[in-house]
């Protein structure tokens, strides 16, 4: 599946990667339909402090575990693809590339 992010880039999520994500983070399996929304209208986009080619897309949902962020981790190198996706209540440190005002 191909998703478009807030910057207009196309980012791929392969079936193999999705199966890996839900194996590691089964709680996100209920929320796959929210991936496009998160990519297009995030609350924050941060650059990873560990890997400059990795972007972190956060969107807060009040109906996920009584209020948590869903985070999508995407690699923007030679190929643009989603690495991971999970639920969190922590915004990681790093350069903020975009923030909802």
PDB file of N, CA and C in Angstrom:
ATOM      1  N   UNK A   1       0.848  -1.180   0.000  1.00  0.00           N
ATOM      2  CA  UNK A   1       0.000   0.000   0.000  1.00  0.00           C
ATOM      3  C   UNK A   1       0.888   1.236   0.000  1.00  0.00           C
ATOM      4  N   UNK A   2       0.464   2.260  -0.727  1.00  0.00           N
ATOM      5  CA  UNK A   2       1.214   3.511  -0.794  1.00  0.00           C
ATOM      6  C   UNK A   2       0.403   4.604  -0.098  1.00  0.00           C
ATOM      7  N   UNK A   3       1.075   5.341   0.779  1.00  0.00           N
ATOM      8  CA  UNK A   3       0.457   6.454   1.499  1.00  0.00           C
ATOM      9  C   UNK A   3       1.165   7.744   1.113  1.00  0.00           C
ATOM     10  N   UNK A   4       0.451   8.857   1.200  1.00  0.00           N
ATOM     11  CA  UNK A   4       1.031  10.165   0.941  1.00  0.00           C
ATOM     12  C   UNK A   4       1.171  10.893   2.266  1.00  0.00           C
ATOM     13  N   UNK A   5       2.344  11.508   2.478  1.00  0.00           N
ATOM     14  CA  UNK A   5       2.543  12.216   3.744  1.00  0.00           C
ATOM     15  C   UNK A   5       2.274  13.714   3.579  1.00  0.00           C
ATOM     16  N   UNK A   6       2.403  14.433   4.660  1.00  0.00           N
ATOM     17  CA  UNK A   6       2.117  15.863   4.701  1.00  0.00           C
ATOM     18  C   UNK A   6       3.031  16.672   3.779  1.00  0.00           C
ATOM     19  N   UNK A   7       4.178  16.117   3.421  1.00  0.00           N
ATOM     20  CA  UNK A   7       5.132  16.791   2.539  1.00  0.00           C
ATOM     21  C   UNK A   7       4.921  16.425   1.069  1.00  0.00           C
ATOM     22  N   UNK A   8       3.906  15.586   0.797  1.00  0.00           N
ATOM     23  CA  UNK A   8       3.605  15.187  -0.577  1.00  0.00           C
ATOM     24  C   UNK A   8       4.391  13.993  -1.068  1.00  0.00           C
ATOM     25  N   UNK A   9       5.134  13.342  -0.197  1.00  0.00           N
ATOM     26  CA  UNK A   9       5.914  12.161  -0.573  1.00  0.00           C
ATOM     27  C   UNK A   9       5.065  10.900  -0.484  1.00  0.00           C
ATOM     28  N   UNK A  10       5.335   9.945  -1.369  1.00  0.00           N
ATOM     29  CA  UNK A  10       4.673   8.638  -1.349  1.00  0.00           C
ATOM     30  C   UNK A  10       5.527   7.679  -0.546  1.00  0.00           C
ATOM     31  N   UNK A  11       4.907   7.037   0.448  1.00  0.00           N
ATOM     32  CA  UNK A  11       5.635   6.145   1.352  1.00  0.00           C
ATOM     33  C   UNK A  11       4.933   4.794   1.352  1.00  0.00           C
ATOM     34  N   UNK A  12       5.716   3.750   1.144  1.00  0.00           N
ATOM     35  CA  UNK A  12       5.167   2.405   0.996  1.00  0.00           C
ATOM     36  C   UNK A  12       5.091   1.669   2.328  1.00  0.00           C
ATOM     37  N   UNK A  13       4.025   0.888   2.475  1.00  0.00           N
ATOM     38  CA  UNK A  13       3.904  -0.075   3.573  1.00  0.00           C
ATOM     39  C   UNK A  13       3.626  -1.426   2.920  1.00  0.00           C
ATOM     40  N   UNK A  14       4.639  -2.298   2.942  1.00  0.00           N
ATOM     41  CA  UNK A  14       4.473  -3.620   2.339  1.00  0.00           C
ATOM     42  C   UNK A  14       3.691  -4.528   3.281  1.00  0.00           C
ATOM     43  N   UNK A  15       3.081  -5.561   2.715  1.00  0.00           N
ATOM     44  CA  UNK A  15       2.375  -6.537   3.547  1.00  0.00           C
ATOM     45  C   UNK A  15       3.337  -7.195   4.528  1.00  0.00           C
ATOM     46  N   UNK A  16       4.549  -7.493   4.057  1.00  0.00           N
ATOM     47  CA  UNK A  16       5.556  -8.126   4.928  1.00  0.00           C
ATOM     48  C   UNK A  16       5.861  -7.233   6.123  1.00  0.00           C
ATOM     49  N   UNK A  17       6.001  -5.922   5.876  1.00  0.00           N
ATOM     50  CA  UNK A  17       6.322  -4.986   6.959  1.00  0.00           C
ATOM     51  C   UNK A  17       5.145  -4.867   7.924  1.00  0.00           C
ATOM     52  N   UNK A  18       3.914  -4.811   7.384  1.00  0.00           N
ATOM     53  CA  UNK A  18       2.731  -4.726   8.245  1.00  0.00           C
ATOM     54  C   UNK A  18       2.638  -5.951   9.152  1.00  0.00           C
ATOM     55  N   UNK A  19       2.894  -7.136   8.602  1.00  0.00           N
ATOM     56  CA  UNK A  19       2.848  -8.356   9.421  1.00  0.00           C
ATOM     57  C   UNK A  19       3.899  -8.311  10.520  1.00  0.00           C
ATOM     58  N   UNK A  20       5.071  -7.779  10.212  1.00  0.00           N
ATOM     59  CA  UNK A  20       6.119  -7.617  11.219  1.00  0.00           C
ATOM     60  C   UNK A  20       5.655  -6.644  12.313  1.00  0.00           C
ATOM     61  N   UNK A  21       5.059  -5.522  11.899  1.00  0.00           N
ATOM     62  CA  UNK A  21       4.600  -4.512  12.857  1.00  0.00           C
ATOM     63  C   UNK A  21       3.568  -5.103  13.812  1.00  0.00           C
ATOM     64  N   UNK A  22       2.561  -5.799  13.285  1.00  0.00           N
ATOM     65  CA  UNK A  22       1.515  -6.333  14.171  1.00  0.00           C
ATOM     66  C   UNK A  22       2.004  -7.503  15.013  1.00  0.00           C
ATOM     67  N   UNK A  23       3.067  -8.168  14.565  1.00  0.00           N
ATOM     68  CA  UNK A  23       3.671  -9.201  15.403  1.00  0.00           C
ATOM     69  C   UNK A  23       4.342  -8.554  16.624  1.00  0.00           C
ATOM     70  N   UNK A  24       5.019  -7.430  16.396  1.00  0.00           N
ATOM     71  CA  UNK A  24       5.728  -6.729  17.470  1.00  0.00           C
ATOM     72  C   UNK A  24       4.792  -5.843  18.298  1.00  0.00           C
ATOM     73  N   UNK A  25       3.773  -5.280  17.654  1.00  0.00           N
ATOM     74  CA  UNK A  25       2.862  -4.327  18.300  1.00  0.00           C
ATOM     75  C   UNK A  25       1.420  -4.683  17.932  1.00  0.00           C
ATOM     76  N   UNK A  26       0.898  -5.781  18.457  1.00  0.00           N
ATOM     77  CA  UNK A  26      -0.435  -6.242  18.045  1.00  0.00           C
ATOM     78  C   UNK A  26      -1.553  -5.236  18.304  1.00  0.00           C
ATOM     79  N   UNK A  27      -1.352  -4.321  19.223  1.00  0.00           N
ATOM     80  CA  UNK A  27      -2.386  -3.329  19.531  1.00  0.00           C
ATOM     81  C   UNK A  27      -2.699  -2.403  18.355  1.00  0.00           C
ATOM     82  N   UNK A  28      -1.766  -2.255  17.409  1.00  0.00           N
ATOM     83  CA  UNK A  28      -2.030  -1.365  16.267  1.00  0.00           C
ATOM     84  C   UNK A  28      -2.851  -2.023  15.163  1.00  0.00           C
ATOM     85  N   UNK A  29      -3.064  -3.316  15.244  1.00  0.00           N
ATOM     86  CA  UNK A  29      -3.783  -4.018  14.176  1.00  0.00           C
ATOM     87  C   UNK A  29      -5.191  -3.452  13.972  1.00  0.00           C
ATOM     88  N   UNK A  30      -5.793  -2.885  15.009  1.00  0.00           N
ATOM     89  CA  UNK A  30      -7.127  -2.304  14.910  1.00  0.00           C
ATOM     90  C   UNK A  30      -7.146  -0.950  14.210  1.00  0.00           C
ATOM     91  N   UNK A  31      -5.972  -0.356  14.012  1.00  0.00           N
ATOM     92  CA  UNK A  31      -5.914   1.035  13.569  1.00  0.00           C
ATOM     93  C   UNK A  31      -5.230   1.247  12.213  1.00  0.00           C
ATOM     94  N   UNK A  32      -5.118   0.211  11.415  1.00  0.00           N
ATOM     95  CA  UNK A  32      -4.435   0.366  10.118  1.00  0.00           C
ATOM     96  C   UNK A  32      -5.089   1.444   9.256  1.00  0.00           C
ATOM     97  N   UNK A  33      -6.410   1.565   9.339  1.00  0.00           N
ATOM     98  CA  UNK A  33      -7.113   2.541   8.505  1.00  0.00           C
ATOM     99  C   UNK A  33      -6.751   3.983   8.878  1.00  0.00           C
ATOM    100  N   UNK A  34      -6.082   4.192   9.990  1.00  0.00           N
ATOM    101  CA  UNK A  34      -5.696   5.546  10.413  1.00  0.00           C
ATOM    102  C   UNK A  34      -4.330   5.969   9.870  1.00  0.00           C
ATOM    103  N   UNK A  35      -3.618   5.061   9.246  1.00  0.00           N
ATOM    104  CA  UNK A  35      -2.262   5.384   8.785  1.00  0.00           C
ATOM    105  C   UNK A  35      -2.265   6.567   7.820  1.00  0.00           C
ATOM    106  N   UNK A  36      -3.144   6.577   6.822  1.00  0.00           N
ATOM    107  CA  UNK A  36      -3.163   7.685   5.865  1.00  0.00           C
ATOM    108  C   UNK A  36      -3.474   9.004   6.564  1.00  0.00           C
ATOM    109  N   UNK A  37      -4.414   8.984   7.493  1.00  0.00           N
ATOM    110  CA  UNK A  37      -4.754  10.203   8.239  1.00  0.00           C
ATOM    111  C   UNK A  37      -3.551  10.727   9.017  1.00  0.00           C
ATOM    112  N   UNK A  38      -2.819   9.838   9.649  1.00  0.00           N
ATOM    113  CA  UNK A  38      -1.642  10.234  10.431  1.00  0.00           C
ATOM    114  C   UNK A  38      -0.577  10.829   9.520  1.00  0.00           C
ATOM    115  N   UNK A  39      -0.359  10.198   8.373  1.00  0.00           N
ATOM    116  CA  UNK A  39       0.662  10.680   7.447  1.00  0.00           C
ATOM    117  C   UNK A  39       0.310  12.055   6.861  1.00  0.00           C
ATOM    118  N   UNK A  40      -0.967  12.275   6.565  1.00  0.00           N
ATOM    119  CA  UNK A  40      -1.399  13.537   5.948  1.00  0.00           C
ATOM    120  C   UNK A  40      -1.643  14.656   6.948  1.00  0.00           C
ATOM    121  N   UNK A  41      -2.128  14.310   8.149  1.00  0.00           N
ATOM    122  CA  UNK A  41      -2.489  15.349   9.123  1.00  0.00           C
ATOM    123  C   UNK A  41      -1.917  15.022  10.506  1.00  0.00           C
ATOM    124  N   UNK A  42      -0.607  14.894  10.616  1.00  0.00           N
ATOM    125  CA  UNK A  42      -0.017  14.583  11.928  1.00  0.00           C
ATOM    126  C   UNK A  42      -0.093  15.781  12.869  1.00  0.00           C
ATOM    127  N   UNK A  43       0.079  15.498  14.150  1.00  0.00           N
ATOM    128  CA  UNK A  43       0.223  16.578  15.127  1.00  0.00           C
ATOM    129  C   UNK A  43       1.672  17.066  15.159  1.00  0.00           C
ATOM    130  N   UNK A  44       2.590  16.122  14.989  1.00  0.00           N
ATOM    131  CA  UNK A  44       4.022  16.432  14.957  1.00  0.00           C
ATOM    132  C   UNK A  44       4.704  15.531  13.945  1.00  0.00           C
ATOM    133  N   UNK A  45       5.746  16.074  13.303  1.00  0.00           N
ATOM    134  CA  UNK A  45       6.687  15.255  12.534  1.00  0.00           C
ATOM    135  C   UNK A  45       8.062  15.625  13.060  1.00  0.00           C
ATOM    136  N   UNK A  46       8.772  14.622  13.550  1.00  0.00           N
ATOM    137  CA  UNK A  46      10.104  14.828  14.115  1.00  0.00           C
ATOM    138  C   UNK A  46      11.118  14.060  13.283  1.00  0.00           C
ATOM    139  N   UNK A  47      12.332  14.561  13.264  1.00  0.00           N
ATOM    140  CA  UNK A  47      13.436  13.828  12.650  1.00  0.00           C
ATOM    141  C   UNK A  47      14.081  13.013  13.758  1.00  0.00           C
ATOM    142  N   UNK A  48      14.324  11.750  13.492  1.00  0.00           N
ATOM    143  CA  UNK A  48      14.944  10.885  14.495  1.00  0.00           C
ATOM    144  C   UNK A  48      16.322  11.422  14.872  1.00  0.00           C
ATOM    145  N   UNK A  49      16.625  11.401  16.164  1.00  0.00           N
ATOM    146  CA  UNK A  49      17.953  11.834  16.603  1.00  0.00           C
ATOM    147  C   UNK A  49      19.002  10.751  16.357  1.00  0.00           C
ATOM    148  N   UNK A  50      18.547   9.506  16.109  1.00  0.00           N
ATOM    149  CA  UNK A  50      19.480   8.397  15.869  1.00  0.00           C
ATOM    150  C   UNK A  50      19.775   8.168  14.393  1.00  0.00           C
ATOM    151  N   UNK A  51      18.811   8.491  13.519  1.00  0.00           N
ATOM    152  CA  UNK A  51      18.984   8.257  12.088  1.00  0.00           C
ATOM    153  C   UNK A  51      18.356   9.419  11.327  1.00  0.00           C
ATOM    154  N   UNK A  52      19.158  10.252  10.673  1.00  0.00           N
ATOM    155  CA  UNK A  52      18.636  11.434   9.991  1.00  0.00           C
ATOM    156  C   UNK A  52      17.687  11.130   8.824  1.00  0.00           C
ATOM    157  N   UNK A  53      17.645   9.886   8.372  1.00  0.00           N
ATOM    158  CA  UNK A  53      16.730   9.515   7.295  1.00  0.00           C
ATOM    159  C   UNK A  53      15.388   9.007   7.809  1.00  0.00           C
ATOM    160  N   UNK A  54      15.219   8.970   9.132  1.00  0.00           N
ATOM    161  CA  UNK A  54      13.989   8.452   9.726  1.00  0.00           C
ATOM    162  C   UNK A  54      13.143   9.608  10.258  1.00  0.00           C
ATOM    163  N   UNK A  55      11.859   9.604   9.857  1.00  0.00           N
ATOM    164  CA  UNK A  55      10.903  10.595  10.338  1.00  0.00           C
ATOM    165  C   UNK A  55       9.868   9.915  11.224  1.00  0.00           C
ATOM    166  N   UNK A  56       9.413  10.648  12.234  1.00  0.00           N
ATOM    167  CA  UNK A  56       8.446  10.153  13.204  1.00  0.00           C
ATOM    168  C   UNK A  56       7.177  10.997  13.077  1.00  0.00           C
ATOM    169  N   UNK A  57       6.075  10.359  12.704  1.00  0.00           N
ATOM    170  CA  UNK A  57       4.779  11.028  12.517  1.00  0.00           C
ATOM    171  C   UNK A  57       3.880  10.680  13.702  1.00  0.00           C
ATOM    172  N   UNK A  58       3.484  11.693  14.476  1.00  0.00           N
ATOM    173  CA  UNK A  58       2.655  11.486  15.660  1.00  0.00           C
ATOM    174  C   UNK A  58       1.270  12.090  15.456  1.00  0.00           C
ATOM    175  N   UNK A  59       0.245  11.379  15.899  1.00  0.00           N
ATOM    176  CA  UNK A  59      -1.110  11.933  15.935  1.00  0.00           C
ATOM    177  C   UNK A  59      -1.800  11.414  17.196  1.00  0.00           C
ATOM    178  N   UNK A  60      -2.396  12.341  17.943  1.00  0.00           N
ATOM    179  CA  UNK A  60      -3.060  11.994  19.196  1.00  0.00           C
ATOM    180  C   UNK A  60      -4.490  11.542  18.922  1.00  0.00           C
ATOM    181  N   UNK A  61      -4.889  10.458  19.598  1.00  0.00           N
ATOM    182  CA  UNK A  61      -6.260   9.941  19.523  1.00  0.00           C
ATOM    183  C   UNK A  61      -6.774   9.725  20.939  1.00  0.00           C
ATOM    184  N   UNK A  62      -7.879  10.360  21.269  1.00  0.00           N
ATOM    185  CA  UNK A  62      -8.446  10.217  22.608  1.00  0.00           C
ATOM    186  C   UNK A  62      -9.079   8.841  22.816  1.00  0.00           C
ATOM    187  N   UNK A  63      -9.392   8.137  21.713  1.00  0.00           N
ATOM    188  CA  UNK A  63     -10.041   6.823  21.842  1.00  0.00           C
ATOM    189  C   UNK A  63      -9.055   5.650  21.851  1.00  0.00           C
ATOM    190  N   UNK A  64      -7.769   5.913  21.814  1.00  0.00           N
ATOM    191  CA  UNK A  64      -6.770   4.841  21.904  1.00  0.00           C
ATOM    192  C   UNK A  64      -6.210   4.835  23.323  1.00  0.00           C
ATOM    193  N   UNK A  65      -6.504   3.794  24.052  1.00  0.00           N
ATOM    194  CA  UNK A  65      -6.024   3.634  25.436  1.00  0.00           C
ATOM    195  C   UNK A  65      -6.231   4.893  26.275  1.00  0.00           C
ATOM    196  N   UNK A  66      -7.417   5.461  26.210  1.00  0.00           N
ATOM    197  CA  UNK A  66      -7.798   6.647  26.978  1.00  0.00           C
ATOM    198  C   UNK A  66      -6.900   7.850  26.693  1.00  0.00           C
ATOM    199  N   UNK A  67      -6.369   7.929  25.485  1.00  0.00           N
ATOM    200  CA  UNK A  67      -5.588   9.083  25.059  1.00  0.00           C
ATOM    201  C   UNK A  67      -4.116   8.804  24.874  1.00  0.00           C
ATOM    202  N   UNK A  68      -3.741   8.432  23.655  1.00  0.00           N
ATOM    203  CA  UNK A  68      -2.332   8.159  23.318  1.00  0.00           C
ATOM    204  C   UNK A  68      -2.061   8.636  21.895  1.00  0.00           C
ATOM    205  N   UNK A  69      -0.780   8.727  21.576  1.00  0.00           N
ATOM    206  CA  UNK A  69      -0.360   9.020  20.210  1.00  0.00           C
ATOM    207  C   UNK A  69      -0.183   7.719  19.445  1.00  0.00           C
ATOM    208  N   UNK A  70      -0.546   7.743  18.186  1.00  0.00           N
ATOM    209  CA  UNK A  70      -0.148   6.679  17.284  1.00  0.00           C
ATOM    210  C   UNK A  70       1.038   7.241  16.528  1.00  0.00           C
ATOM    211  N   UNK A  71       2.110   6.490  16.491  1.00  0.00           N
ATOM    212  CA  UNK A  71       3.367   6.919  15.883  1.00  0.00           C
ATOM    213  C   UNK A  71       3.678   6.047  14.686  1.00  0.00           C
ATOM    214  N   UNK A  72       4.016   6.684  13.583  1.00  0.00           N
ATOM    215  CA  UNK A  72       4.486   5.974  12.394  1.00  0.00           C
ATOM    216  C   UNK A  72       5.933   6.363  12.176  1.00  0.00           C
ATOM    217  N   UNK A  73       6.773   5.366  12.020  1.00  0.00           N
ATOM    218  CA  UNK A  73       8.202   5.553  11.797  1.00  0.00           C
ATOM    219  C   UNK A  73       8.475   5.235  10.330  1.00  0.00           C
ATOM    220  N   UNK A  74       8.981   6.221   9.585  1.00  0.00           N
ATOM    221  CA  UNK A  74       9.212   6.039   8.153  1.00  0.00           C
ATOM    222  C   UNK A  74      10.651   6.373   7.795  1.00  0.00           C
ATOM    223  N   UNK A  75      11.206   5.585   6.905  1.00  0.00           N
ATOM    224  CA  UNK A  75      12.574   5.782   6.419  1.00  0.00           C
ATOM    225  C   UNK A  75      12.501   6.481   5.072  1.00  0.00           C
ATOM    226  N   UNK A  76      13.219   7.587   4.940  1.00  0.00           N
ATOM    227  CA  UNK A  76      13.217   8.350   3.689  1.00  0.00           C
ATOM    228  C   UNK A  76      14.638   8.383   3.146  1.00  0.00           C
ATOM    229  N   UNK A  77      15.071   7.273   2.603  1.00  0.00           N
ATOM    230  CA  UNK A  77      16.383   7.195   1.980  1.00  0.00           C
ATOM    231  C   UNK A  77      16.209   7.023   0.482  1.00  0.00           C
ATOM    232  N   UNK A  78      16.894   6.044  -0.079  1.00  0.00           N
ATOM    233  CA  UNK A  78      16.726   5.738  -1.501  1.00  0.00           C
ATOM    234  C   UNK A  78      15.311   5.254  -1.782  1.00  0.00           C
ATOM    235  N   UNK A  79      14.740   4.577  -0.795  1.00  0.00           N
ATOM    236  CA  UNK A  79      13.367   4.078  -0.870  1.00  0.00           C
ATOM    237  C   UNK A  79      12.603   4.679   0.300  1.00  0.00           C
ATOM    238  N   UNK A  80      11.359   5.043   0.100  1.00  0.00           N
ATOM    239  CA  UNK A  80      10.550   5.614   1.171  1.00  0.00           C
ATOM    240  C   UNK A  80       9.584   4.545   1.644  1.00  0.00           C
ATOM    241  N   UNK A  81       9.702   4.150   2.914  1.00  0.00           N
ATOM    242  CA  UNK A  81       8.848   3.088   3.422  1.00  0.00           C
ATOM    243  C   UNK A  81       8.626   3.214   4.924  1.00  0.00           C
ATOM    244  N   UNK A  82       7.528   2.623   5.387  1.00  0.00           N
ATOM    245  CA  UNK A  82       7.204   2.609   6.810  1.00  0.00           C
ATOM    246  C   UNK A  82       7.974   1.471   7.475  1.00  0.00           C
ATOM    247  N   UNK A  83       8.720   1.828   8.513  1.00  0.00           N
ATOM    248  CA  UNK A  83       9.499   0.857   9.277  1.00  0.00           C
ATOM    249  C   UNK A  83       8.671   0.237  10.394  1.00  0.00           C
ATOM    250  N   UNK A  84       7.937   1.107  11.108  1.00  0.00           N
ATOM    251  CA  UNK A  84       7.206   0.635  12.272  1.00  0.00           C
ATOM    252  C   UNK A  84       6.021   1.544  12.549  1.00  0.00           C
ATOM    253  N   UNK A  85       5.211   1.094  13.479  1.00  0.00           N
ATOM    254  CA  UNK A  85       4.020   1.830  13.892  1.00  0.00           C
ATOM    255  C   UNK A  85       3.667   1.319  15.286  1.00  0.00           C
ATOM    256  N   UNK A  86       3.454   2.226  16.224  1.00  0.00           N
ATOM    257  CA  UNK A  86       3.076   1.789  17.563  1.00  0.00           C
ATOM    258  C   UNK A  86       2.379   2.897  18.323  1.00  0.00           C
ATOM    259  N   UNK A  87       1.848   2.554  19.483  1.00  0.00           N
ATOM    260  CA  UNK A  87       1.123   3.479  20.353  1.00  0.00           C
ATOM    261  C   UNK A  87       2.091   3.968  21.433  1.00  0.00           C
ATOM    262  N   UNK A  88       2.054   5.274  21.714  1.00  0.00           N
ATOM    263  CA  UNK A  88       2.960   5.843  22.704  1.00  0.00           C
ATOM    264  C   UNK A  88       2.317   7.055  23.367  1.00  0.00           C
ATOM    265  N   UNK A  89       2.855   7.437  24.520  1.00  0.00           N
ATOM    266  CA  UNK A  89       2.424   8.691  25.134  1.00  0.00           C
ATOM    267  C   UNK A  89       3.590   9.669  25.238  1.00  0.00           C
ATOM    268  N   UNK A  90       4.712   9.312  24.618  1.00  0.00           N
ATOM    269  CA  UNK A  90       5.920  10.131  24.683  1.00  0.00           C
ATOM    270  C   UNK A  90       6.305  10.621  23.290  1.00  0.00           C
ATOM    271  N   UNK A  91       6.540  11.929  23.175  1.00  0.00           N
ATOM    272  CA  UNK A  91       7.071  12.510  21.945  1.00  0.00           C
ATOM    273  C   UNK A  91       8.592  12.502  22.102  1.00  0.00           C
ATOM    274  N   UNK A  92       9.275  11.829  21.191  1.00  0.00           N
ATOM    275  CA  UNK A  92      10.734  11.728  21.300  1.00  0.00           C
ATOM    276  C   UNK A  92      11.400  13.069  21.029  1.00  0.00           C
ATOM    277  N   UNK A  93      12.595  13.211  21.588  1.00  0.00           N
ATOM    278  CA  UNK A  93      13.391  14.401  21.323  1.00  0.00           C
ATOM    279  C   UNK A  93      13.899  14.328  19.889  1.00  0.00           C
ATOM    280  N   UNK A  94      14.249  15.458  19.379  1.00  0.00           N
ATOM    281  CA  UNK A  94      14.738  15.540  18.006  1.00  0.00           C
ATOM    282  C   UNK A  94      14.201  16.802  17.360  1.00  0.00           C
ATOM    283  N   UNK A  95      14.662  17.068  16.176  1.00  0.00           N
ATOM    284  CA  UNK A  95      14.256  18.262  15.447  1.00  0.00           C
ATOM    285  C   UNK A  95      12.807  18.114  15.002  1.00  0.00           C
ATOM    286  N   UNK A  96      11.998  19.117  15.294  1.00  0.00           N
ATOM    287  CA  UNK A  96      10.609  19.131  14.846  1.00  0.00           C
ATOM    288  C   UNK A  96      10.559  19.705  13.439  1.00  0.00           C
ATOM    289  N   UNK A  97      10.080  18.908  12.482  1.00  0.00           N
ATOM    290  CA  UNK A  97       9.969  19.362  11.106  1.00  0.00           C
ATOM    291  C   UNK A  97       8.608  19.996  10.824  1.00  0.00           C
ATOM    292  N   UNK A  98       7.605  19.573  11.597  1.00  0.00           N
ATOM    293  CA  UNK A  98       6.252  20.089  11.404  1.00  0.00           C
ATOM    294  C   UNK A  98       5.487  19.944  12.706  1.00  0.00           C
ATOM    295  N   UNK A  99       4.674  20.927  13.044  1.00  0.00           N
ATOM    296  CA  UNK A  99       3.845  20.859  14.240  1.00  0.00           C
ATOM    297  C   UNK A  99       2.500  21.524  13.952  1.00  0.00           C
ATOM    298  N   UNK A 100       1.412  20.841  14.346  1.00  0.00           N
ATOM    299  CA  UNK A 100       0.070  21.396  14.171  1.00  0.00           C
ATOM    300  C   UNK A 100      -0.081  22.594  15.109  1.00  0.00           C
ATOM    301  N   UNK A 101      -0.525  23.692  14.570  1.00  0.00           N
ATOM    302  CA  UNK A 101      -0.712  24.918  15.383  1.00  0.00           C
ATOM    303  C   UNK A 101      -2.170  25.101  15.713  1.00  0.00           C
TER     304      UNK A 101
END
